[in-house]
Amino acid sequence: MNLKNNIAISDSGFVFNPSSGESFSVNQIGLEMLNMLRQKFTTEDIVTHIEKGFQAERPTIERDLNDFIDMMNQYHLMQDEDE
């Protein structure tokens, strides 16, 4: 899954979906995750990056990333890789 190309993300964590008009806010880690998803990093790469930069254990990061991606899917911010 990849972040849709038309999703706008500000440096402060404001996320806007122009297709639906909905907007969201994410924290610093959510912003890191979104930017890495936009750059097509693998989930494994994202987990490793977050683990190095923040004080959290790998299983917690993996769970949080999966939950975050699920939430982004629910808000229609993600697309299949072939789209």
Protein backbone atom coordinates (compact mmCIF):
# COMPACT_ATOMS: atom_id res chain seq x y z
CA MET A 1 0.00 0.00 0.00
CA ASN A 2 1.17 3.50 -0.82
CA LEU A 3 0.01 6.94 0.17
CA LYS A 4 -2.13 8.48 -2.59
CA ASN A 5 -0.23 11.04 -4.66
CA ASN A 6 -2.81 13.80 -4.23
CA ILE A 7 -2.66 13.81 -0.41
CA ALA A 8 -1.21 17.09 0.89
CA ILE A 9 0.98 16.94 4.00
CA SER A 10 2.35 20.03 5.74
CA ASP A 11 5.54 20.14 7.79
CA SER A 12 3.40 20.63 10.90
CA GLY A 13 1.48 17.37 10.38
CA PHE A 14 -1.67 18.73 8.73
CA VAL A 15 -2.97 16.17 6.21
CA PHE A 16 -5.53 17.09 3.54
CA ASN A 17 -7.40 14.75 1.20
CA PRO A 18 -8.60 16.88 -1.74
CA SER A 19 -10.80 14.05 -3.04
CA SER A 20 -13.00 14.09 0.06
CA GLY A 21 -12.23 17.53 1.50
CA GLU A 22 -11.30 15.90 4.82
CA SER A 23 -8.33 17.03 6.87
CA PHE A 24 -6.45 15.40 9.71
CA SER A 25 -3.56 16.12 12.04
CA VAL A 26 -0.77 13.71 12.89
CA ASN A 27 1.99 13.88 15.47
CA GLN A 28 5.72 13.90 14.70
CA ILE A 29 5.97 10.11 14.38
CA GLY A 30 2.85 9.99 12.20
CA LEU A 31 4.40 12.65 9.99
CA GLU A 32 7.61 10.60 9.69
CA MET A 33 5.57 7.53 8.77
CA LEU A 34 3.51 9.39 6.15
CA ASN A 35 6.58 10.93 4.54
CA MET A 36 8.29 7.55 4.38
CA LEU A 37 5.16 5.90 2.95
CA ARG A 38 5.06 8.66 0.33
CA GLN A 39 8.67 7.83 -0.58
CA LYS A 40 7.66 4.15 -0.91
CA PHE A 41 9.75 2.89 2.00
CA THR A 42 8.85 -0.63 3.11
CA THR A 43 7.17 -1.11 6.46
CA GLU A 44 10.34 -2.86 7.64
CA ASP A 45 12.42 0.21 6.70
CA ILE A 46 9.96 2.52 8.45
CA VAL A 47 10.04 0.44 11.64
CA THR A 48 13.86 0.41 11.63
CA HIS A 49 13.99 4.19 11.08
CA ILE A 50 11.50 4.92 13.88
CA GLU A 51 13.29 2.50 16.21
CA LYS A 52 16.59 4.36 15.69
CA GLY A 53 15.12 7.84 16.04
CA PHE A 54 12.64 7.41 18.88
CA GLN A 55 12.68 5.57 22.18
CA ALA A 56 10.28 2.72 21.50
CA GLU A 57 10.53 -1.04 21.23
CA ARG A 58 10.29 -2.73 17.84
CA PRO A 59 7.09 -4.75 18.55
CA THR A 60 5.34 -1.57 19.69
CA ILE A 61 6.45 0.32 16.57
CA GLU A 62 5.32 -2.54 14.31
CA ARG A 63 1.89 -2.64 15.95
CA ASP A 64 1.53 1.15 15.86
CA LEU A 65 2.59 1.34 12.20
CA ASN A 66 0.10 -1.36 11.21
CA ASP A 67 -2.66 0.41 13.15
CA PHE A 68 -1.68 3.73 11.52
CA ILE A 69 -1.79 2.22 8.02
CA ASP A 70 -5.18 0.65 8.79
CA MET A 71 -6.46 4.05 9.89
CA MET A 72 -5.08 5.71 6.74
CA ASN A 73 -6.92 3.05 4.70
CA GLN A 74 -10.17 3.80 6.52
CA TYR A 75 -9.78 7.47 5.61
CA HIS A 76 -9.06 6.53 1.97
CA LEU A 77 -5.56 8.00 2.03
CA MET A 78 -3.85 4.85 0.75
CA GLN A 79 -3.90 3.05 -2.59
CA ASP A 80 -2.69 -0.29 -3.89
CA GLU A 81 0.84 -0.24 -5.26
CA ASP A 82 -0.33 -0.79 -8.84
CA GLU A 83 -2.69 2.22 -8.86
